[in-house]
Amino acid sequence: MKLESKTSSQSTVNSYRIITESHGPIVYLEYLNEKGHIIDEILRDEDGNDISDPALLEDVQEFIDAETEEQRRDEKNGLYPTKADVAN
């Protein structure tokens, strides 16, 4: 056996817990590279088993994108609580 090369990079993982009608509670994981681009996505059930359902994955992605856009819009309009608001 011979190790030919090793590459290391930093990535960020965004984890979302979502309740779905078809699968109940699931976890959606997004792996992002250092530039913030999604490099991998995983759906898992509440027991940690991978879910291989392309249609569900697409629905979850659209839901997360819509929620993220709504959050950005709320933050821009001053409607999203700050850390100080949550602490009080």
PDB file of N, CA and C in Angstrom:
ATOM      1  N   MET A   1       0.840  -1.166   0.000  1.00  0.00           N
ATOM      2  CA  MET A   1       0.000   0.000   0.000  1.00  0.00           C
ATOM      3  C   MET A   1       0.893   1.239   0.000  1.00  0.00           C
ATOM      4  N   LYS A   2       0.466   2.247  -0.745  1.00  0.00           N
ATOM      5  CA  LYS A   2       1.247   3.471  -0.835  1.00  0.00           C
ATOM      6  C   LYS A   2       0.290   4.663  -0.852  1.00  0.00           C
ATOM      7  N   LEU A   3       0.509   5.613   0.051  1.00  0.00           N
ATOM      8  CA  LEU A   3      -0.280   6.840   0.073  1.00  0.00           C
ATOM      9  C   LEU A   3       0.275   7.770  -0.990  1.00  0.00           C
ATOM     10  N   GLU A   4      -0.536   8.074  -1.959  1.00  0.00           N
ATOM     11  CA  GLU A   4      -0.079   8.902  -3.061  1.00  0.00           C
ATOM     12  C   GLU A   4      -0.167  10.390  -2.739  1.00  0.00           C
ATOM     13  N   SER A   5      -1.266  10.816  -2.087  1.00  0.00           N
ATOM     14  CA  SER A   5      -1.400  12.222  -1.732  1.00  0.00           C
ATOM     15  C   SER A   5      -2.471  12.384  -0.667  1.00  0.00           C
ATOM     16  N   LYS A   6      -2.441  13.537  -0.030  1.00  0.00           N
ATOM     17  CA  LYS A   6      -3.453  13.893   0.945  1.00  0.00           C
ATOM     18  C   LYS A   6      -3.786  15.362   0.743  1.00  0.00           C
ATOM     19  N   THR A   7      -5.077  15.670   0.708  1.00  0.00           N
ATOM     20  CA  THR A   7      -5.531  17.039   0.555  1.00  0.00           C
ATOM     21  C   THR A   7      -6.449  17.381   1.722  1.00  0.00           C
ATOM     22  N   SER A   8      -6.249  18.536   2.308  1.00  0.00           N
ATOM     23  CA  SER A   8      -7.094  18.986   3.399  1.00  0.00           C
ATOM     24  C   SER A   8      -7.735  20.312   3.022  1.00  0.00           C
ATOM     25  N   SER A   9      -8.963  20.489   3.452  1.00  0.00           N
ATOM     26  CA  SER A   9      -9.642  21.756   3.247  1.00  0.00           C
ATOM     27  C   SER A   9     -10.645  21.952   4.375  1.00  0.00           C
ATOM     28  N   GLN A  10     -11.001  23.195   4.615  1.00  0.00           N
ATOM     29  CA  GLN A  10     -11.984  23.487   5.634  1.00  0.00           C
ATOM     30  C   GLN A  10     -13.355  23.567   4.995  1.00  0.00           C
ATOM     31  N   SER A  11     -14.334  23.058   5.719  1.00  0.00           N
ATOM     32  CA  SER A  11     -15.705  23.176   5.251  1.00  0.00           C
ATOM     33  C   SER A  11     -16.603  23.491   6.437  1.00  0.00           C
ATOM     34  N   THR A  12     -17.772  23.981   6.133  1.00  0.00           N
ATOM     35  CA  THR A  12     -18.775  24.308   7.125  1.00  0.00           C
ATOM     36  C   THR A  12     -19.954  23.385   6.911  1.00  0.00           C
ATOM     37  N   VAL A  13     -20.586  22.968   8.007  1.00  0.00           N
ATOM     38  CA  VAL A  13     -21.772  22.129   7.912  1.00  0.00           C
ATOM     39  C   VAL A  13     -22.946  22.897   8.501  1.00  0.00           C
ATOM     40  N   ASN A  14     -23.972  23.096   7.693  1.00  0.00           N
ATOM     41  CA  ASN A  14     -25.236  23.653   8.169  1.00  0.00           C
ATOM     42  C   ASN A  14     -26.174  22.482   8.388  1.00  0.00           C
ATOM     43  N   SER A  15     -26.777  22.418   9.556  1.00  0.00           N
ATOM     44  CA  SER A  15     -27.675  21.326   9.904  1.00  0.00           C
ATOM     45  C   SER A  15     -29.067  21.886  10.176  1.00  0.00           C
ATOM     46  N   TYR A  16     -30.069  21.305   9.540  1.00  0.00           N
ATOM     47  CA  TYR A  16     -31.453  21.746   9.692  1.00  0.00           C
ATOM     48  C   TYR A  16     -32.306  20.553  10.123  1.00  0.00           C
ATOM     49  N   ARG A  17     -33.146  20.727  11.121  1.00  0.00           N
ATOM     50  CA  ARG A  17     -34.105  19.700  11.520  1.00  0.00           C
ATOM     51  C   ARG A  17     -35.461  20.159  11.013  1.00  0.00           C
ATOM     52  N   ILE A  18     -36.101  19.298  10.232  1.00  0.00           N
ATOM     53  CA  ILE A  18     -37.342  19.649   9.551  1.00  0.00           C
ATOM     54  C   ILE A  18     -38.372  18.545   9.805  1.00  0.00           C
ATOM     55  N   ILE A  19     -39.617  18.946  10.007  1.00  0.00           N
ATOM     56  CA  ILE A  19     -40.704  17.980  10.136  1.00  0.00           C
ATOM     57  C   ILE A  19     -41.405  17.897   8.782  1.00  0.00           C
ATOM     58  N   THR A  20     -41.438  16.691   8.212  1.00  0.00           N
ATOM     59  CA  THR A  20     -42.091  16.491   6.920  1.00  0.00           C
ATOM     60  C   THR A  20     -43.318  15.611   7.095  1.00  0.00           C
ATOM     61  N   GLU A  21     -44.257  15.748   6.184  1.00  0.00           N
ATOM     62  CA  GLU A  21     -45.455  14.914   6.230  1.00  0.00           C
ATOM     63  C   GLU A  21     -45.139  13.476   5.833  1.00  0.00           C
ATOM     64  N   SER A  22     -44.237  13.301   4.877  1.00  0.00           N
ATOM     65  CA  SER A  22     -43.961  11.965   4.352  1.00  0.00           C
ATOM     66  C   SER A  22     -42.972  11.158   5.188  1.00  0.00           C
ATOM     67  N   HIS A  23     -41.991  11.812   5.810  1.00  0.00           N
ATOM     68  CA  HIS A  23     -40.944  11.092   6.538  1.00  0.00           C
ATOM     69  C   HIS A  23     -40.844  11.462   8.014  1.00  0.00           C
ATOM     70  N   GLY A  24     -41.719  12.340   8.484  1.00  0.00           N
ATOM     71  CA  GLY A  24     -41.629  12.789   9.873  1.00  0.00           C
ATOM     72  C   GLY A  24     -40.423  13.688  10.053  1.00  0.00           C
ATOM     73  N   PRO A  25     -39.797  13.649  11.237  1.00  0.00           N
ATOM     74  CA  PRO A  25     -38.624  14.495  11.470  1.00  0.00           C
ATOM     75  C   PRO A  25     -37.420  13.995  10.660  1.00  0.00           C
ATOM     76  N   ILE A  26     -36.762  14.917   9.969  1.00  0.00           N
ATOM     77  CA  ILE A  26     -35.544  14.579   9.226  1.00  0.00           C
ATOM     78  C   ILE A  26     -34.476  15.635   9.504  1.00  0.00           C
ATOM     79  N   VAL A  27     -33.250  15.288   9.174  1.00  0.00           N
ATOM     80  CA  VAL A  27     -32.136  16.222   9.284  1.00  0.00           C
ATOM     81  C   VAL A  27     -31.567  16.426   7.890  1.00  0.00           C
ATOM     82  N   TYR A  28     -31.399  17.686   7.516  1.00  0.00           N
ATOM     83  CA  TYR A  28     -30.808  18.047   6.226  1.00  0.00           C
ATOM     84  C   TYR A  28     -29.458  18.678   6.528  1.00  0.00           C
ATOM     85  N   LEU A  29     -28.401  18.127   5.961  1.00  0.00           N
ATOM     86  CA  LEU A  29     -27.049  18.632   6.170  1.00  0.00           C
ATOM     87  C   LEU A  29     -26.514  19.209   4.872  1.00  0.00           C
ATOM     88  N   GLU A  30     -25.982  20.427   4.953  1.00  0.00           N
ATOM     89  CA  GLU A  30     -25.317  21.069   3.816  1.00  0.00           C
ATOM     90  C   GLU A  30     -23.844  21.205   4.168  1.00  0.00           C
ATOM     91  N   TYR A  31     -22.987  20.717   3.305  1.00  0.00           N
ATOM     92  CA  TYR A  31     -21.545  20.889   3.467  1.00  0.00           C
ATOM     93  C   TYR A  31     -21.111  21.985   2.503  1.00  0.00           C
ATOM     94  N   LEU A  32     -20.489  23.045   3.054  1.00  0.00           N
ATOM     95  CA  LEU A  32     -20.062  24.185   2.246  1.00  0.00           C
ATOM     96  C   LEU A  32     -18.548  24.301   2.259  1.00  0.00           C
ATOM     97  N   ASN A  33     -17.990  24.685   1.112  1.00  0.00           N
ATOM     98  CA  ASN A  33     -16.545  24.909   1.053  1.00  0.00           C
ATOM     99  C   ASN A  33     -16.207  26.277   1.633  1.00  0.00           C
ATOM    100  N   GLU A  34     -14.928  26.628   1.592  1.00  0.00           N
ATOM    101  CA  GLU A  34     -14.491  27.891   2.193  1.00  0.00           C
ATOM    102  C   GLU A  34     -15.082  29.116   1.504  1.00  0.00           C
ATOM    103  N   LYS A  35     -15.602  28.960   0.291  1.00  0.00           N
ATOM    104  CA  LYS A  35     -16.230  30.077  -0.427  1.00  0.00           C
ATOM    105  C   LYS A  35     -17.740  30.138  -0.186  1.00  0.00           C
ATOM    106  N   GLY A  36     -18.275  29.203   0.596  1.00  0.00           N
ATOM    107  CA  GLY A  36     -19.698  29.194   0.896  1.00  0.00           C
ATOM    108  C   GLY A  36     -20.557  28.463  -0.109  1.00  0.00           C
ATOM    109  N   HIS A  37     -19.941  27.745  -1.038  1.00  0.00           N
ATOM    110  CA  HIS A  37     -20.686  26.980  -2.029  1.00  0.00           C
ATOM    111  C   HIS A  37     -20.990  25.583  -1.491  1.00  0.00           C
ATOM    112  N   ILE A  38     -22.193  25.104  -1.735  1.00  0.00           N
ATOM    113  CA  ILE A  38     -22.584  23.770  -1.284  1.00  0.00           C
ATOM    114  C   ILE A  38     -21.823  22.730  -2.095  1.00  0.00           C
ATOM    115  N   ILE A  39     -21.128  21.841  -1.377  1.00  0.00           N
ATOM    116  CA  ILE A  39     -20.375  20.785  -2.047  1.00  0.00           C
ATOM    117  C   ILE A  39     -20.996  19.404  -1.840  1.00  0.00           C
ATOM    118  N   ASP A  40     -21.893  19.287  -0.854  1.00  0.00           N
ATOM    119  CA  ASP A  40     -22.579  18.018  -0.629  1.00  0.00           C
ATOM    120  C   ASP A  40     -23.808  18.269   0.234  1.00  0.00           C
ATOM    121  N   GLU A  41     -24.800  17.406   0.087  1.00  0.00           N
ATOM    122  CA  GLU A  41     -26.030  17.500   0.858  1.00  0.00           C
ATOM    123  C   GLU A  41     -26.459  16.098   1.253  1.00  0.00           C
ATOM    124  N   ILE A  42     -26.989  15.978   2.460  1.00  0.00           N
ATOM    125  CA  ILE A  42     -27.426  14.673   2.951  1.00  0.00           C
ATOM    126  C   ILE A  42     -28.757  14.846   3.672  1.00  0.00           C
ATOM    127  N   LEU A  43     -29.660  13.913   3.431  1.00  0.00           N
ATOM    128  CA  LEU A  43     -30.898  13.816   4.190  1.00  0.00           C
ATOM    129  C   LEU A  43     -30.803  12.589   5.079  1.00  0.00           C
ATOM    130  N   ARG A  44     -31.196  12.739   6.340  1.00  0.00           N
ATOM    131  CA  ARG A  44     -31.194  11.602   7.258  1.00  0.00           C
ATOM    132  C   ARG A  44     -32.487  11.584   8.050  1.00  0.00           C
ATOM    133  N   ASP A  45     -32.925  10.366   8.405  1.00  0.00           N
ATOM    134  CA  ASP A  45     -34.080  10.271   9.281  1.00  0.00           C
ATOM    135  C   ASP A  45     -33.637  10.501  10.714  1.00  0.00           C
ATOM    136  N   GLU A  46     -34.571  10.480  11.654  1.00  0.00           N
ATOM    137  CA  GLU A  46     -34.226  10.812  13.036  1.00  0.00           C
ATOM    138  C   GLU A  46     -33.326   9.767  13.690  1.00  0.00           C
ATOM    139  N   ASP A  47     -33.195   8.586  13.075  1.00  0.00           N
ATOM    140  CA  ASP A  47     -32.289   7.552  13.588  1.00  0.00           C
ATOM    141  C   ASP A  47     -30.891   7.654  12.988  1.00  0.00           C
ATOM    142  N   GLY A  48     -30.681   8.605  12.073  1.00  0.00           N
ATOM    143  CA  GLY A  48     -29.377   8.804  11.452  1.00  0.00           C
ATOM    144  C   GLY A  48     -29.169   8.044  10.159  1.00  0.00           C
ATOM    145  N   ASN A  49     -30.212   7.382   9.658  1.00  0.00           N
ATOM    146  CA  ASN A  49     -30.110   6.647   8.396  1.00  0.00           C
ATOM    147  C   ASN A  49     -30.264   7.603   7.215  1.00  0.00           C
ATOM    148  N   ASP A  50     -29.415   7.429   6.198  1.00  0.00           N
ATOM    149  CA  ASP A  50     -29.511   8.259   4.998  1.00  0.00           C
ATOM    150  C   ASP A  50     -30.834   8.006   4.290  1.00  0.00           C
ATOM    151  N   ILE A  51     -31.419   9.078   3.754  1.00  0.00           N
ATOM    152  CA  ILE A  51     -32.648   8.984   2.964  1.00  0.00           C
ATOM    153  C   ILE A  51     -32.277   9.275   1.516  1.00  0.00           C
ATOM    154  N   SER A  52     -32.534   8.317   0.640  1.00  0.00           N
ATOM    155  CA  SER A  52     -32.245   8.496  -0.778  1.00  0.00           C
ATOM    156  C   SER A  52     -33.566   8.745  -1.505  1.00  0.00           C
ATOM    157  N   ASP A  53     -33.962  10.012  -1.578  1.00  0.00           N
ATOM    158  CA  ASP A  53     -35.218  10.404  -2.194  1.00  0.00           C
ATOM    159  C   ASP A  53     -34.995  11.753  -2.884  1.00  0.00           C
ATOM    160  N   PRO A  54     -34.628  11.717  -4.176  1.00  0.00           N
ATOM    161  CA  PRO A  54     -34.321  12.964  -4.897  1.00  0.00           C
ATOM    162  C   PRO A  54     -35.450  14.000  -4.866  1.00  0.00           C
ATOM    163  N   ALA A  55     -36.691  13.553  -4.936  1.00  0.00           N
ATOM    164  CA  ALA A  55     -37.811  14.501  -4.915  1.00  0.00           C
ATOM    165  C   ALA A  55     -37.905  15.192  -3.552  1.00  0.00           C
ATOM    166  N   LEU A  56     -37.727  14.432  -2.478  1.00  0.00           N
ATOM    167  CA  LEU A  56     -37.745  15.013  -1.136  1.00  0.00           C
ATOM    168  C   LEU A  56     -36.578  15.978  -0.957  1.00  0.00           C
ATOM    169  N   LEU A  57     -35.401  15.600  -1.435  1.00  0.00           N
ATOM    170  CA  LEU A  57     -34.231  16.470  -1.347  1.00  0.00           C
ATOM    171  C   LEU A  57     -34.504  17.804  -2.047  1.00  0.00           C
ATOM    172  N   GLU A  58     -35.087  17.753  -3.216  1.00  0.00           N
ATOM    173  CA  GLU A  58     -35.404  18.982  -3.946  1.00  0.00           C
ATOM    174  C   GLU A  58     -36.413  19.834  -3.184  1.00  0.00           C
ATOM    175  N   ASP A  59     -37.442  19.194  -2.612  1.00  0.00           N
ATOM    176  CA  ASP A  59     -38.433  19.926  -1.819  1.00  0.00           C
ATOM    177  C   ASP A  59     -37.787  20.591  -0.603  1.00  0.00           C
ATOM    178  N   VAL A  60     -36.896  19.873   0.068  1.00  0.00           N
ATOM    179  CA  VAL A  60     -36.219  20.405   1.249  1.00  0.00           C
ATOM    180  C   VAL A  60     -35.330  21.585   0.851  1.00  0.00           C
ATOM    181  N   GLN A  61     -34.587  21.458  -0.250  1.00  0.00           N
ATOM    182  CA  GLN A  61     -33.729  22.547  -0.715  1.00  0.00           C
ATOM    183  C   GLN A  61     -34.550  23.803  -1.000  1.00  0.00           C
ATOM    184  N   GLU A  62     -35.676  23.652  -1.671  1.00  0.00           N
ATOM    185  CA  GLU A  62     -36.532  24.796  -1.979  1.00  0.00           C
ATOM    186  C   GLU A  62     -37.081  25.418  -0.700  1.00  0.00           C
ATOM    187  N   PHE A  63     -37.469  24.583   0.269  1.00  0.00           N
ATOM    188  CA  PHE A  63     -37.975  25.072   1.548  1.00  0.00           C
ATOM    189  C   PHE A  63     -36.902  25.861   2.295  1.00  0.00           C
ATOM    190  N   ILE A  64     -35.691  25.306   2.373  1.00  0.00           N
ATOM    191  CA  ILE A  64     -34.584  25.976   3.074  1.00  0.00           C
ATOM    192  C   ILE A  64     -34.242  27.295   2.379  1.00  0.00           C
ATOM    193  N   ASP A  65     -34.185  27.287   1.061  1.00  0.00           N
ATOM    194  CA  ASP A  65     -33.892  28.523   0.317  1.00  0.00           C
ATOM    195  C   ASP A  65     -34.939  29.594   0.612  1.00  0.00           C
ATOM    196  N   ALA A  66     -36.214  29.208   0.646  1.00  0.00           N
ATOM    197  CA  ALA A  66     -37.290  30.165   0.912  1.00  0.00           C
ATOM    198  C   ALA A  66     -37.196  30.693   2.345  1.00  0.00           C
ATOM    199  N   GLU A  67     -36.929  29.814   3.307  1.00  0.00           N
ATOM    200  CA  GLU A  67     -36.808  30.232   4.707  1.00  0.00           C
ATOM    201  C   GLU A  67     -35.609  31.156   4.892  1.00  0.00           C
ATOM    202  N   THR A  68     -34.497  30.833   4.240  1.00  0.00           N
ATOM    203  CA  THR A  68     -33.297  31.653   4.347  1.00  0.00           C
ATOM    204  C   THR A  68     -33.532  33.029   3.746  1.00  0.00           C
ATOM    205  N   GLU A  69     -34.204  33.082   2.610  1.00  0.00           N
ATOM    206  CA  GLU A  69     -34.511  34.364   1.971  1.00  0.00           C
ATOM    207  C   GLU A  69     -35.442  35.190   2.858  1.00  0.00           C
ATOM    208  N   GLU A  70     -36.428  34.552   3.470  1.00  0.00           N
ATOM    209  CA  GLU A  70     -37.349  35.262   4.364  1.00  0.00           C
ATOM    210  C   GLU A  70     -36.596  35.812   5.579  1.00  0.00           C
ATOM    211  N   GLN A  71     -35.671  35.024   6.117  1.00  0.00           N
ATOM    212  CA  GLN A  71     -34.874  35.471   7.262  1.00  0.00           C
ATOM    213  C   GLN A  71     -34.025  36.678   6.875  1.00  0.00           C
ATOM    214  N   ARG A  72     -33.389  36.622   5.702  1.00  0.00           N
ATOM    215  CA  ARG A  72     -32.581  37.761   5.233  1.00  0.00           C
ATOM    216  C   ARG A  72     -33.434  39.027   5.095  1.00  0.00           C
ATOM    217  N   ARG A  73     -34.628  38.846   4.542  1.00  0.00           N
ATOM    218  CA  ARG A  73     -35.529  39.983   4.352  1.00  0.00           C
ATOM    219  C   ARG A  73     -35.937  40.564   5.715  1.00  0.00           C
ATOM    220  N   ASP A  74     -36.243  39.692   6.678  1.00  0.00           N
ATOM    221  CA  ASP A  74     -36.610  40.156   8.016  1.00  0.00           C
ATOM    222  C   ASP A  74     -35.454  40.885   8.692  1.00  0.00           C
ATOM    223  N   GLU A  75     -34.246  40.339   8.560  1.00  0.00           N
ATOM    224  CA  GLU A  75     -33.079  40.986   9.156  1.00  0.00           C
ATOM    225  C   GLU A  75     -32.866  42.370   8.539  1.00  0.00           C
ATOM    226  N   LYS A  76     -33.028  42.467   7.225  1.00  0.00           N
ATOM    227  CA  LYS A  76     -32.840  43.741   6.530  1.00  0.00           C
ATOM    228  C   LYS A  76     -33.864  44.767   7.003  1.00  0.00           C
ATOM    229  N   ASN A  77     -35.070  44.314   7.303  1.00  0.00           N
ATOM    230  CA  ASN A  77     -36.128  45.214   7.750  1.00  0.00           C
ATOM    231  C   ASN A  77     -36.148  45.399   9.267  1.00  0.00           C
ATOM    232  N   GLY A  78     -35.154  44.845   9.954  1.00  0.00           N
ATOM    233  CA  GLY A  78     -35.064  45.007  11.396  1.00  0.00           C
ATOM    234  C   GLY A  78     -36.066  44.180  12.170  1.00  0.00           C
ATOM    235  N   LEU A  79     -36.614  43.152  11.556  1.00  0.00           N
ATOM    236  CA  LEU A  79     -37.631  42.340  12.216  1.00  0.00           C
ATOM    237  C   LEU A  79     -37.068  41.093  12.888  1.00  0.00           C
ATOM    238  N   TYR A  80     -35.817  40.796  12.626  1.00  0.00           N
ATOM    239  CA  TYR A  80     -35.218  39.594  13.200  1.00  0.00           C
ATOM    240  C   TYR A  80     -34.563  39.961  14.520  1.00  0.00           C
ATOM    241  N   PRO A  81     -34.798  39.206  15.586  1.00  0.00           N
ATOM    242  CA  PRO A  81     -34.244  39.582  16.892  1.00  0.00           C
ATOM    243  C   PRO A  81     -32.725  39.525  16.918  1.00  0.00           C
ATOM    244  N   THR A  82     -32.156  40.467  17.651  1.00  0.00           N
ATOM    245  CA  THR A  82     -30.718  40.475  17.859  1.00  0.00           C
ATOM    246  C   THR A  82     -30.388  39.602  19.065  1.00  0.00           C
ATOM    247  N   LYS A  83     -29.108  39.346  19.295  1.00  0.00           N
ATOM    248  CA  LYS A  83     -28.705  38.565  20.467  1.00  0.00           C
ATOM    249  C   LYS A  83     -29.157  39.248  21.742  1.00  0.00           C
ATOM    250  N   ALA A  84     -29.112  40.580  21.774  1.00  0.00           N
ATOM    251  CA  ALA A  84     -29.539  41.331  22.952  1.00  0.00           C
ATOM    252  C   ALA A  84     -31.048  41.136  23.198  1.00  0.00           C
ATOM    253  N   ASP A  85     -31.845  41.093  22.121  1.00  0.00           N
ATOM    254  CA  ASP A  85     -33.286  40.878  22.272  1.00  0.00           C
ATOM    255  C   ASP A  85     -33.585  39.499  22.856  1.00  0.00           C
ATOM    256  N   VAL A  86     -32.856  38.501  22.394  1.00  0.00           N
ATOM    257  CA  VAL A  86     -33.073  37.127  22.849  1.00  0.00           C
ATOM    258  C   VAL A  86     -32.637  36.976  24.309  1.00  0.00           C
ATOM    259  N   ALA A  87     -31.568  37.679  24.712  1.00  0.00           N
ATOM    260  CA  ALA A  87     -31.059  37.581  26.070  1.00  0.00           C
ATOM    261  C   ALA A  87     -32.030  38.171  27.079  1.00  0.00           C
ATOM    262  N   ASN A  88     -32.823  39.139  26.652  1.00  0.00           N
ATOM    263  CA  ASN A  88     -33.761  39.804  27.569  1.00  0.00           C
ATOM    264  C   ASN A  88     -35.049  39.114  27.524  1.00  0.00           C
TER     265      ASN A  88
END
